[in-house]
Amino acid sequence: MSNSDQSAQHPVIVWFRQDLRLADNPALLAAVNTGAPIICLYVLDDKTPRKWLRGGASRWWLHHSLSALAQQLEALGTQLVLRRGDAFDVVTGLADELGARTVFWNRCYEPFTIARDSRIKAHLRDRGCAVETFNGSLLVEPWNLTTKDGRPYRVYSPYFRALAPHCDDIAPLPRPSLIADGSKGVHSDALSLWGLLPSSPDWATGFGPVWTPGEAGAWQRLERFCEEAAKDYSDTRNLPGVEGTSRLSPHLHFGEISPRQIWHYAVRHVPAGQGRETFLKEIGWREFSYNLLYHFDDLPDSNYQQKFNGFPWHFEESVFKRWTRGQTGYPIVDAGMRQLWQTGWMHNRVRMIVASFLTKHLLIDWRRGEEWFWDTLVDADLANNAASWQWVAGSGADAAPYFRIFNPVTQGEKFDGSGAYVREWVPELKNVPDKFIHAPWAAPAGILSQAGVTLGEDYPRPIIDHSKARERALAAFSSLKDAA
């Protein structure tokens, strides 16, 4: 669309949110196609409900992702305008300040953002400002994929069967080659003054060597995964000591790459087979989680299965702290919790193990674990976090049955047989033989002495006996059935 005198006088605002990329960004491309000068805006919304303010690890990622996006925009001739505050006040105020007649954004699906965005949209339209919103985050939006009787899907397998036919022909949108700059003279905060990076102490020193936030980093991850690991994904995805997963989750959460791009690229660059199919199903699980959050908006706070409202959770602060610090005495659990703290990420199989341990061995409410993950994961995502924790706890949709209680020893032996993962993250056990690496308390005293390990000093004894914990958990679950 060619420029007009009117469009030149009235800039278009593109509000970036969880879509920090240039390619396959429908809101940005629609703005470019107007021919008008563009203001690229990001708002750090301090009015987000306190529970869901970004956690520390996520804020670290956000800083670097915004920095990368700003550099990309500068290369196309414009700047990223940063404003901090209530998004309603910032977006509507900037539209008034600039005389903008159009605001574009890609939709978010958290309950509080839906309510907030609806208020902003209504206010702008009442003021004569056009608002257009787009799907930039999902393969298919939740309201467009329902059962034959119009109800939301509650079980993953039929959901994925319904989803898959919509995906193969999805073509990602192109990256703009030039953006008409409307930001001249527009005030922008300095990213460095937002205080997103930790200090005193800087607990994120281990993040930098592992992660490259930004659109370029996302594509490096995807291309490397598809070339080196995707064809064997179904075999290696459960092995935490192997680079067998994509690690795309933080890039997806911040929208540095879209699920459309991932699906489209994987279908074209990974040979057909079990590995590709399993990987695409993982993208489908993300979609299913958003489907659940949209249709059941109390998912992050309430048991999806209401029978769990009477579950006899038992919280002890000292026990919970040992779990968070990787000091439970179960090596596979402790390795996962330490990997999380040091890198902001944990292997998915180990996430299931540590979540099962918290909710079933320790009988601590899944919401406490979900809150810890929210603060410590660089890929903290409301839909995925809530749906996955409830799945493991047994209270969620299509959940693992509560009586499925992972044995952390046999899980370690099955998925980390050589102990490579444990030795990396629990180095005090590095000299323990493979036979005992997942149950060091079972090793003869002489072997532990040779390995330089004194239980209770160098490494803790188990916080609870597995057999007793299992009996206690089953009794707790049985009390629910009896009450029903």
Protein backbone atom coordinates (compact mmCIF):
# COMPACT_ATOMS: atom_id res chain seq x y z
CA MET A 1 0.00 0.00 0.00
CA SER A 2 1.44 3.35 -0.97
CA ASN A 3 1.91 6.21 1.41
CA SER A 4 -0.76 8.87 1.69
CA ASP A 5 -0.59 12.29 3.25
CA GLN A 6 -2.77 11.06 6.07
CA SER A 7 -0.70 7.96 6.82
CA ALA A 8 2.48 10.02 6.82
CA GLN A 9 0.99 12.33 9.46
CA HIS A 10 -0.39 9.59 11.68
CA PRO A 11 2.09 6.87 12.67
CA VAL A 12 1.13 3.29 13.38
CA ILE A 13 2.05 1.76 16.74
CA VAL A 14 3.19 -1.87 16.79
CA TRP A 15 3.07 -3.13 20.36
CA PHE A 16 5.60 -5.95 20.80
CA ARG A 17 4.85 -8.44 23.57
CA GLN A 18 5.67 -12.17 23.38
CA ASP A 19 6.69 -11.82 19.73
CA LEU A 20 10.22 -10.41 19.90
CA ARG A 21 11.13 -11.16 16.27
CA LEU A 22 10.87 -9.63 12.81
CA ALA A 23 10.03 -12.68 10.66
CA ASP A 24 6.55 -14.26 10.77
CA ASN A 25 5.30 -11.33 12.81
CA PRO A 26 1.79 -10.59 11.46
CA ALA A 27 1.28 -7.39 13.47
CA LEU A 28 4.58 -5.92 12.27
CA LEU A 29 4.03 -6.93 8.66
CA ALA A 30 0.50 -5.48 8.64
CA ALA A 31 1.91 -2.20 9.95
CA VAL A 32 4.63 -2.13 7.30
CA ASN A 33 2.03 -2.74 4.61
CA THR A 34 0.15 0.42 5.57
CA GLY A 35 3.06 2.52 4.33
CA ALA A 36 2.83 4.68 7.44
CA PRO A 37 5.71 5.52 9.76
CA ILE A 38 5.92 2.96 12.54
CA ILE A 39 6.54 3.15 16.27
CA CYS A 40 7.84 -0.19 17.60
CA LEU A 41 6.87 -0.26 21.28
CA TYR A 42 7.64 -2.60 24.16
CA VAL A 43 6.01 -2.04 27.57
CA LEU A 44 7.33 -3.44 30.83
CA ASP A 45 3.99 -3.66 32.61
CA ASP A 46 4.41 -3.18 36.33
CA LYS A 47 0.68 -3.70 36.86
CA THR A 48 0.79 -7.40 36.02
CA PRO A 49 -0.67 -9.34 38.98
CA ARG A 50 2.12 -9.73 41.49
CA LYS A 51 2.09 -13.52 41.33
CA TRP A 52 2.74 -13.42 37.59
CA LEU A 53 5.35 -10.69 37.38
CA ARG A 54 8.26 -12.15 35.47
CA GLY A 55 10.61 -14.21 37.59
CA GLY A 56 14.29 -13.45 37.90
CA ALA A 57 15.51 -15.88 35.24
CA SER A 58 12.86 -14.72 32.79
CA ARG A 59 13.84 -11.08 33.34
CA TRP A 60 17.44 -11.94 32.48
CA TRP A 61 16.27 -13.40 29.19
CA LEU A 62 13.97 -10.47 28.49
CA HIS A 63 16.84 -7.99 28.82
CA HIS A 64 18.96 -9.78 26.25
CA SER A 65 16.04 -10.48 23.92
CA LEU A 66 15.02 -6.81 23.86
CA SER A 67 18.62 -5.83 23.22
CA ALA A 68 18.76 -8.20 20.25
CA LEU A 69 15.43 -6.95 18.86
CA ALA A 70 16.55 -3.33 19.19
CA GLN A 71 19.67 -4.07 17.14
CA GLN A 72 17.58 -5.74 14.44
CA LEU A 73 15.23 -2.77 14.25
CA GLU A 74 18.13 -0.32 14.06
CA ALA A 75 19.45 -2.24 11.07
CA LEU A 76 16.10 -1.62 9.36
CA GLY A 77 16.11 2.08 10.11
CA THR A 78 14.09 2.47 13.29
CA GLN A 79 14.34 2.04 17.05
CA LEU A 80 12.58 0.04 19.73
CA VAL A 81 10.72 2.41 22.04
CA LEU A 82 10.79 1.19 25.64
CA ARG A 83 8.26 2.41 28.18
CA ARG A 84 7.65 1.13 31.70
CA GLY A 85 4.34 1.20 33.56
CA ASP A 86 0.71 0.19 33.33
CA ALA A 87 0.23 -1.01 29.74
CA PHE A 88 -3.20 0.65 29.54
CA ASP A 89 -1.73 4.04 30.43
CA VAL A 90 1.38 3.59 28.26
CA VAL A 91 -0.30 2.38 25.07
CA THR A 92 -3.27 4.74 25.16
CA GLY A 93 -1.05 7.62 26.29
CA LEU A 94 1.43 7.08 23.46
CA ALA A 95 -1.39 6.94 20.91
CA ASP A 96 -2.65 10.29 22.18
CA GLU A 97 0.86 11.74 22.32
CA LEU A 98 1.62 10.87 18.69
CA GLY A 99 -1.84 11.24 17.21
CA ALA A 100 -1.69 7.60 16.12
CA ARG A 101 -4.79 6.37 14.33
CA THR A 102 -3.87 2.66 14.30
CA VAL A 103 -2.41 0.23 16.84
CA PHE A 104 -1.42 -3.34 15.96
CA TRP A 105 -0.43 -6.18 18.25
CA ASN A 106 -0.23 -9.98 18.35
CA ARG A 107 -2.53 -11.62 20.86
CA CYS A 108 -1.54 -13.09 24.22
CA TYR A 109 -3.67 -15.67 26.03
CA GLU A 110 -3.07 -15.31 29.76
CA PRO A 111 -6.32 -14.44 31.56
CA PHE A 112 -5.05 -11.10 32.90
CA THR A 113 -3.64 -10.03 29.51
CA ILE A 114 -6.92 -10.85 27.75
CA ALA A 115 -8.83 -8.66 30.21
CA ARG A 116 -6.26 -5.84 30.00
CA ASP A 117 -6.03 -5.93 26.23
CA SER A 118 -9.81 -5.83 25.90
CA ARG A 119 -9.86 -2.63 27.98
CA ILE A 120 -7.13 -1.05 25.87
CA LYS A 121 -8.84 -2.02 22.62
CA ALA A 122 -12.20 -0.64 23.74
CA HIS A 123 -10.65 2.63 24.94
CA LEU A 124 -8.69 3.20 21.75
CA ARG A 125 -11.66 2.47 19.53
CA ASP A 126 -13.82 4.85 21.57
CA ARG A 127 -11.20 7.51 20.84
CA GLY A 128 -11.40 6.82 17.09
CA CYS A 129 -8.22 4.77 16.91
CA ALA A 130 -8.31 1.56 14.86
CA VAL A 131 -7.01 -1.56 16.60
CA GLU A 132 -6.07 -4.77 14.82
CA THR A 133 -4.82 -7.87 16.59
CA PHE A 134 -3.31 -11.04 15.14
CA ASN A 135 -2.27 -14.59 15.94
CA GLY A 136 1.50 -14.56 16.23
CA SER A 137 1.98 -17.20 18.93
CA LEU A 138 0.00 -20.34 18.14
CA LEU A 139 -0.59 -22.74 15.28
CA VAL A 140 -4.35 -22.59 15.81
CA GLU A 141 -6.11 -20.33 18.28
CA PRO A 142 -8.08 -22.00 21.09
CA TRP A 143 -11.52 -20.90 19.93
CA ASN A 144 -10.90 -22.30 16.45
CA LEU A 145 -10.28 -25.89 17.52
CA THR A 146 -13.07 -27.61 19.46
CA THR A 147 -14.76 -30.99 19.57
CA LYS A 148 -17.66 -31.83 17.24
CA ASP A 149 -20.12 -30.61 19.85
CA GLY A 150 -18.27 -27.30 20.20
CA ARG A 151 -16.59 -28.03 23.53
CA PRO A 152 -12.91 -27.54 24.33
CA TYR A 153 -10.63 -30.56 24.14
CA ARG A 154 -9.71 -32.03 27.51
CA VAL A 155 -7.56 -34.93 26.29
CA TYR A 156 -4.33 -34.41 24.40
CA SER A 157 -4.35 -37.23 21.84
CA PRO A 158 -7.63 -36.31 20.10
CA TYR A 159 -6.62 -32.67 20.35
CA PHE A 160 -3.41 -33.32 18.45
CA ARG A 161 -5.21 -35.39 15.83
CA ALA A 162 -7.49 -32.43 15.24
CA LEU A 163 -4.61 -29.94 15.26
CA ALA A 164 -2.15 -31.63 12.90
CA PRO A 165 -4.12 -31.29 9.63
CA HIS A 166 -4.18 -27.50 10.10
CA CYS A 167 -0.40 -27.20 10.35
CA ASP A 168 1.34 -28.67 7.33
CA ASP A 169 0.23 -25.97 4.90
CA ILE A 170 0.95 -23.04 7.21
CA ALA A 171 3.50 -20.74 5.54
CA PRO A 172 5.35 -18.32 7.83
CA LEU A 173 5.24 -14.66 6.87
CA PRO A 174 8.33 -12.90 5.45
CA ARG A 175 10.65 -10.59 7.33
CA PRO A 176 10.27 -6.89 6.46
CA SER A 177 13.19 -5.49 4.49
CA LEU A 178 12.61 -1.90 5.63
CA ILE A 179 10.53 -0.18 8.30
CA ALA A 180 9.45 3.44 7.91
CA ASP A 181 10.71 5.14 11.04
CA GLY A 182 8.21 7.03 13.15
CA SER A 183 10.27 7.09 16.34
CA LYS A 184 12.17 10.33 15.82
CA GLY A 185 11.75 12.51 18.88
CA VAL A 186 9.84 9.82 20.80
CA HIS A 187 11.13 9.24 24.33
CA SER A 188 12.40 5.75 25.13
CA ASP A 189 13.61 4.39 28.45
CA ALA A 190 17.14 3.03 28.63
CA LEU A 191 17.03 -0.75 28.86
CA SER A 192 19.93 -0.73 31.31
CA LEU A 193 17.84 1.29 33.79
CA TRP A 194 15.08 -1.30 33.95
CA GLY A 195 17.17 -3.45 36.28
CA LEU A 196 16.32 -6.74 34.60
CA LEU A 197 19.77 -8.22 35.14
CA PRO A 198 20.68 -9.62 38.58
CA SER A 199 23.35 -8.01 40.69
CA SER A 200 24.68 -8.32 44.22
CA PRO A 201 25.03 -11.21 43.61
CA ASP A 202 24.90 -11.99 39.91
CA TRP A 203 23.39 -15.46 40.14
CA ALA A 204 23.02 -15.68 36.33
CA THR A 205 26.72 -16.10 35.52
CA GLY A 206 25.99 -19.61 34.26
CA PHE A 207 23.30 -18.45 31.81
CA GLY A 208 25.50 -16.68 29.28
CA PRO A 209 27.58 -19.70 28.20
CA VAL A 210 24.40 -21.72 27.62
CA TRP A 211 21.98 -19.29 25.95
CA THR A 212 21.84 -16.81 23.08
CA PRO A 213 18.56 -14.91 23.46
CA GLY A 214 17.11 -13.33 20.34
CA GLU A 215 15.80 -14.31 16.94
CA ALA A 216 19.22 -15.29 15.58
CA GLY A 217 19.87 -17.51 18.59
CA ALA A 218 16.51 -19.20 18.13
CA TRP A 219 17.28 -20.07 14.52
CA GLN A 220 20.71 -21.39 15.47
CA ARG A 221 19.03 -23.71 17.96
CA LEU A 222 16.41 -24.92 15.47
CA GLU A 223 18.82 -25.51 12.61
CA ARG A 224 21.33 -27.34 14.79
CA PHE A 225 18.63 -29.51 16.34
CA CYS A 226 17.09 -30.44 13.00
CA GLU A 227 20.49 -31.27 11.56
CA GLU A 228 21.97 -33.20 14.49
CA ALA A 229 19.30 -34.58 16.81
CA ALA A 230 15.74 -34.41 15.47
CA LYS A 231 15.71 -37.70 13.56
CA ASP A 232 16.61 -39.55 16.79
CA TYR A 233 14.45 -37.37 19.03
CA SER A 234 12.05 -40.14 20.06
CA ASP A 235 15.03 -42.17 21.36
CA THR A 236 17.16 -39.44 22.93
CA ARG A 237 14.67 -36.88 24.28
CA ASN A 238 14.46 -38.69 27.63
CA LEU A 239 18.23 -38.86 28.18
CA PRO A 240 19.33 -35.81 30.18
CA GLY A 241 23.03 -36.58 29.70
CA VAL A 242 22.66 -36.30 25.91
CA GLU A 243 22.05 -33.20 23.76
CA GLY A 244 18.85 -34.71 22.42
CA THR A 245 16.29 -31.92 22.84
CA SER A 246 15.82 -28.67 20.95
CA ARG A 247 15.97 -26.28 23.94
CA LEU A 248 13.70 -23.96 21.97
CA SER A 249 11.25 -23.40 24.84
CA PRO A 250 12.56 -19.98 26.00
CA HIS A 251 12.80 -18.76 22.40
CA LEU A 252 9.20 -19.87 21.86
CA HIS A 253 7.96 -18.23 25.03
CA PHE A 254 9.42 -14.85 24.11
CA GLY A 255 8.32 -15.23 20.51
CA GLU A 256 11.83 -15.05 19.07
CA ILE A 257 10.63 -17.85 16.82
CA SER A 258 7.05 -18.93 16.15
CA PRO A 259 5.53 -22.41 16.27
CA ARG A 260 4.61 -21.93 12.62
CA GLN A 261 8.25 -21.43 11.72
CA ILE A 262 9.34 -24.46 13.74
CA TRP A 263 6.67 -26.75 12.30
CA HIS A 264 7.28 -25.55 8.74
CA TYR A 265 11.07 -25.94 9.03
CA ALA A 266 10.97 -29.34 10.75
CA VAL A 267 8.59 -30.82 8.17
CA ARG A 268 10.93 -29.73 5.39
CA HIS A 269 14.31 -30.49 6.95
CA VAL A 270 13.82 -33.54 9.17
CA PRO A 271 13.29 -36.93 7.51
CA ALA A 272 9.84 -38.39 8.05
CA GLY A 273 9.87 -40.84 10.93
CA GLN A 274 9.28 -41.33 14.64
CA GLY A 275 11.74 -38.60 15.64
CA ARG A 276 10.02 -35.88 13.64
CA GLU A 277 6.55 -37.04 14.66
CA THR A 278 7.47 -37.02 18.35
CA PHE A 279 8.99 -33.55 18.08
CA LEU A 280 5.89 -32.14 16.38
CA LYS A 281 3.76 -33.68 19.12
CA GLU A 282 5.78 -31.69 21.65
CA ILE A 283 4.88 -28.52 19.76
CA GLY A 284 1.32 -29.81 19.91
CA TRP A 285 1.54 -30.21 23.70
CA ARG A 286 2.40 -26.52 23.96
CA GLU A 287 -0.70 -25.73 21.92
CA PHE A 288 -2.80 -28.01 24.13
CA SER A 289 -1.54 -26.19 27.22
CA TYR A 290 -2.69 -22.87 25.76
CA ASN A 291 -6.01 -24.45 24.85
CA LEU A 292 -6.46 -25.46 28.49
CA LEU A 293 -5.44 -22.06 29.85
CA TYR A 294 -7.81 -20.22 27.53
CA HIS A 295 -10.83 -22.36 28.29
CA PHE A 296 -10.04 -22.94 31.98
CA ASP A 297 -8.51 -19.66 33.05
CA ASP A 298 -7.99 -20.63 36.69
CA LEU A 299 -5.60 -23.42 35.66
CA PRO A 300 -2.52 -21.75 37.28
CA ASP A 301 -4.26 -21.44 40.65
CA SER A 302 -6.84 -24.20 40.98
CA ASN A 303 -6.95 -27.95 40.58
CA TYR A 304 -8.35 -28.83 37.19
CA GLN A 305 -9.84 -31.94 38.78
CA GLN A 306 -11.78 -30.57 41.73
CA LYS A 307 -11.50 -33.79 43.71
CA PHE A 308 -7.92 -32.68 44.48
CA ASN A 309 -9.24 -29.68 46.42
CA GLY A 310 -9.32 -31.93 49.48
CA PHE A 311 -5.89 -33.45 48.99
CA PRO A 312 -3.91 -33.52 52.27
CA TRP A 313 -0.83 -31.60 51.17
CA HIS A 314 1.86 -31.27 53.81
CA PHE A 315 4.26 -28.32 53.62
CA GLU A 316 7.50 -28.04 55.56
CA GLU A 317 9.71 -25.06 54.74
CA SER A 318 12.95 -26.88 55.51
CA VAL A 319 11.99 -29.82 53.30
CA PHE A 320 10.95 -27.52 50.46
CA LYS A 321 14.26 -25.65 50.67
CA ARG A 322 16.23 -28.89 50.41
CA TRP A 323 14.29 -29.66 47.21
CA THR A 324 14.96 -26.20 45.74
CA ARG A 325 18.67 -26.42 46.56
CA GLY A 326 19.21 -29.92 45.18
CA GLN A 327 19.89 -31.45 48.59
CA THR A 328 17.28 -34.23 48.76
CA GLY A 329 19.80 -37.09 48.75
CA TYR A 330 18.38 -38.47 45.49
CA PRO A 331 21.02 -37.75 42.83
CA ILE A 332 18.77 -37.42 39.75
CA VAL A 333 16.48 -35.02 41.63
CA ASP A 334 19.37 -32.97 42.95
CA ALA A 335 21.06 -32.84 39.54
CA GLY A 336 17.91 -31.42 37.99
CA MET A 337 17.39 -28.77 40.65
CA ARG A 338 21.02 -27.66 40.40
CA GLN A 339 20.89 -27.53 36.60
CA LEU A 340 17.82 -25.33 36.96
CA TRP A 341 19.53 -22.92 39.34
CA GLN A 342 22.75 -22.69 37.37
CA THR A 343 21.35 -22.47 33.82
CA GLY A 344 17.71 -21.40 34.18
CA TRP A 345 16.56 -24.60 32.47
CA MET A 346 16.01 -28.26 33.23
CA HIS A 347 15.72 -31.29 30.98
CA ASN A 348 12.08 -32.24 30.45
CA ARG A 349 12.36 -35.83 31.71
CA VAL A 350 14.01 -34.54 34.86
CA ARG A 351 11.29 -31.90 35.26
CA MET A 352 8.80 -34.74 35.54
CA ILE A 353 10.99 -36.58 38.05
CA VAL A 354 11.53 -33.58 40.34
CA ALA A 355 7.86 -32.56 40.11
CA SER A 356 6.72 -36.07 40.99
CA PHE A 357 9.18 -36.12 43.89
CA LEU A 358 7.85 -32.84 45.30
CA THR A 359 4.17 -33.67 45.00
CA LYS A 360 4.24 -37.38 45.81
CA HIS A 361 7.33 -38.11 47.91
CA LEU A 362 7.16 -34.87 49.88
CA LEU A 363 3.38 -34.23 49.56
CA ILE A 364 4.01 -30.55 48.82
CA ASP A 365 1.32 -28.76 46.82
CA TRP A 366 2.11 -28.55 43.09
CA ARG A 367 1.51 -24.79 43.26
CA ARG A 368 4.64 -24.33 45.38
CA GLY A 369 6.72 -26.11 42.75
CA GLU A 370 5.06 -24.19 39.96
CA GLU A 371 5.93 -20.90 41.69
CA TRP A 372 9.58 -21.97 42.05
CA PHE A 373 9.79 -22.88 38.38
CA TRP A 374 8.15 -19.58 37.47
CA ASP A 375 10.95 -17.68 39.18
CA THR A 376 13.89 -19.83 38.09
CA LEU A 377 13.11 -20.94 34.50
CA VAL A 378 14.17 -18.84 31.54
CA ASP A 379 11.29 -20.49 29.68
CA ALA A 380 8.71 -19.81 32.41
CA ASP A 381 5.40 -19.86 30.59
CA LEU A 382 2.03 -19.65 32.32
CA ALA A 383 0.23 -22.19 30.14
CA ASN A 384 3.02 -24.76 29.95
CA ASN A 385 4.04 -24.41 33.58
CA ALA A 386 0.56 -24.80 35.02
CA ALA A 387 -0.58 -27.57 32.67
CA SER A 388 2.60 -29.60 33.12
CA TRP A 389 2.69 -29.34 36.92
CA GLN A 390 -0.93 -30.39 37.14
CA TRP A 391 -0.27 -33.25 34.72
CA VAL A 392 2.49 -34.64 36.93
CA ALA A 393 0.57 -34.05 40.16
CA GLY A 394 -2.41 -35.97 38.77
CA SER A 395 -4.82 -33.07 39.19
CA GLY A 396 -4.75 -31.83 35.60
CA ALA A 397 -6.35 -32.56 32.26
CA ASP A 398 -5.39 -35.88 30.70
CA ALA A 399 -3.08 -36.22 33.69
CA ALA A 400 -0.75 -38.98 34.70
CA PRO A 401 -2.64 -40.98 37.36
CA TYR A 402 -1.72 -39.98 40.89
CA PHE A 403 -0.65 -43.53 41.70
CA ARG A 404 2.06 -43.27 39.03
CA ILE A 405 4.87 -42.39 41.42
CA PHE A 406 8.31 -42.13 39.87
CA ASN A 407 11.02 -44.01 41.70
CA PRO A 408 13.93 -41.55 41.46
CA VAL A 409 16.49 -44.35 41.62
CA THR A 410 15.07 -46.44 38.80
CA GLN A 411 14.32 -43.31 36.77
CA GLY A 412 17.98 -42.35 37.08
CA GLU A 413 19.17 -45.82 36.18
CA LYS A 414 16.87 -45.97 33.16
CA PHE A 415 17.55 -42.55 31.68
CA ASP A 416 21.04 -41.74 33.01
CA GLY A 417 22.56 -45.20 33.17
CA SER A 418 26.17 -44.04 33.00
CA GLY A 419 25.54 -41.26 35.51
CA ALA A 420 26.84 -38.60 33.11
CA TYR A 421 24.07 -36.15 33.99
CA VAL A 422 24.42 -36.67 37.75
CA ARG A 423 28.19 -36.35 37.62
CA GLU A 424 27.91 -33.04 35.74
CA TRP A 425 25.54 -31.41 38.21
CA VAL A 426 26.36 -33.25 41.44
CA PRO A 427 30.16 -33.31 41.18
CA GLU A 428 30.66 -34.54 44.76
CA LEU A 429 29.46 -37.94 43.43
CA LYS A 430 31.66 -37.96 40.33
CA ASN A 431 33.86 -40.83 41.57
CA VAL A 432 30.99 -43.07 42.70
CA PRO A 433 30.74 -46.17 40.44
CA ASP A 434 27.89 -46.40 37.94
CA LYS A 435 26.27 -49.17 39.96
CA PHE A 436 25.69 -46.84 42.92
CA ILE A 437 25.60 -43.39 41.33
CA HIS A 438 21.80 -43.15 41.67
CA ALA A 439 21.68 -44.69 45.16
CA PRO A 440 24.96 -43.85 46.92
CA TRP A 441 23.55 -44.89 50.30
CA ALA A 442 23.46 -48.46 48.98
CA ALA A 443 27.20 -48.50 48.28
CA PRO A 444 29.53 -50.30 50.71
CA ALA A 445 31.43 -48.01 53.01
CA GLY A 446 34.72 -48.87 51.34
CA ILE A 447 33.49 -47.84 47.91
CA LEU A 448 32.17 -44.55 49.25
CA SER A 449 35.48 -43.95 51.00
CA GLN A 450 37.38 -44.57 47.77
CA ALA A 451 35.02 -42.12 46.00
CA GLY A 452 35.73 -39.48 48.65
CA VAL A 453 32.09 -39.37 49.82
CA THR A 454 30.88 -39.32 53.40
CA LEU A 455 27.08 -39.41 53.46
CA GLY A 456 25.63 -36.70 55.62
CA GLU A 457 28.72 -34.53 55.08
CA ASP A 458 29.75 -34.45 51.41
CA TYR A 459 26.31 -35.47 50.17
CA PRO A 460 23.05 -35.76 52.12
CA ARG A 461 21.31 -38.97 53.01
CA PRO A 462 17.86 -39.39 51.38
CA ILE A 463 15.34 -36.94 52.76
CA ILE A 464 12.73 -39.69 52.81
CA ASP A 465 12.63 -43.42 52.11
CA HIS A 466 11.08 -44.11 48.70
CA SER A 467 8.94 -47.06 49.80
CA LYS A 468 7.51 -45.19 52.79
CA ALA A 469 6.92 -42.09 50.68
CA ARG A 470 5.06 -44.14 48.09
CA GLU A 471 2.82 -45.74 50.73
CA ARG A 472 2.07 -42.32 52.24
CA ALA A 473 1.21 -40.82 48.86
CA LEU A 474 -1.10 -43.69 47.93
CA ALA A 475 -2.84 -43.39 51.30
CA ALA A 476 -3.33 -39.67 50.71
CA PHE A 477 -4.82 -40.33 47.29
CA SER A 478 -7.02 -43.06 48.73
CA SER A 479 -8.44 -40.57 51.21
CA LEU A 480 -9.71 -38.54 48.26
CA LYS A 481 -11.50 -41.53 46.82
CA ASP A 482 -12.99 -42.39 50.20
CA ALA A 483 -14.21 -38.81 50.67
CA ALA A 484 -15.79 -38.86 47.22
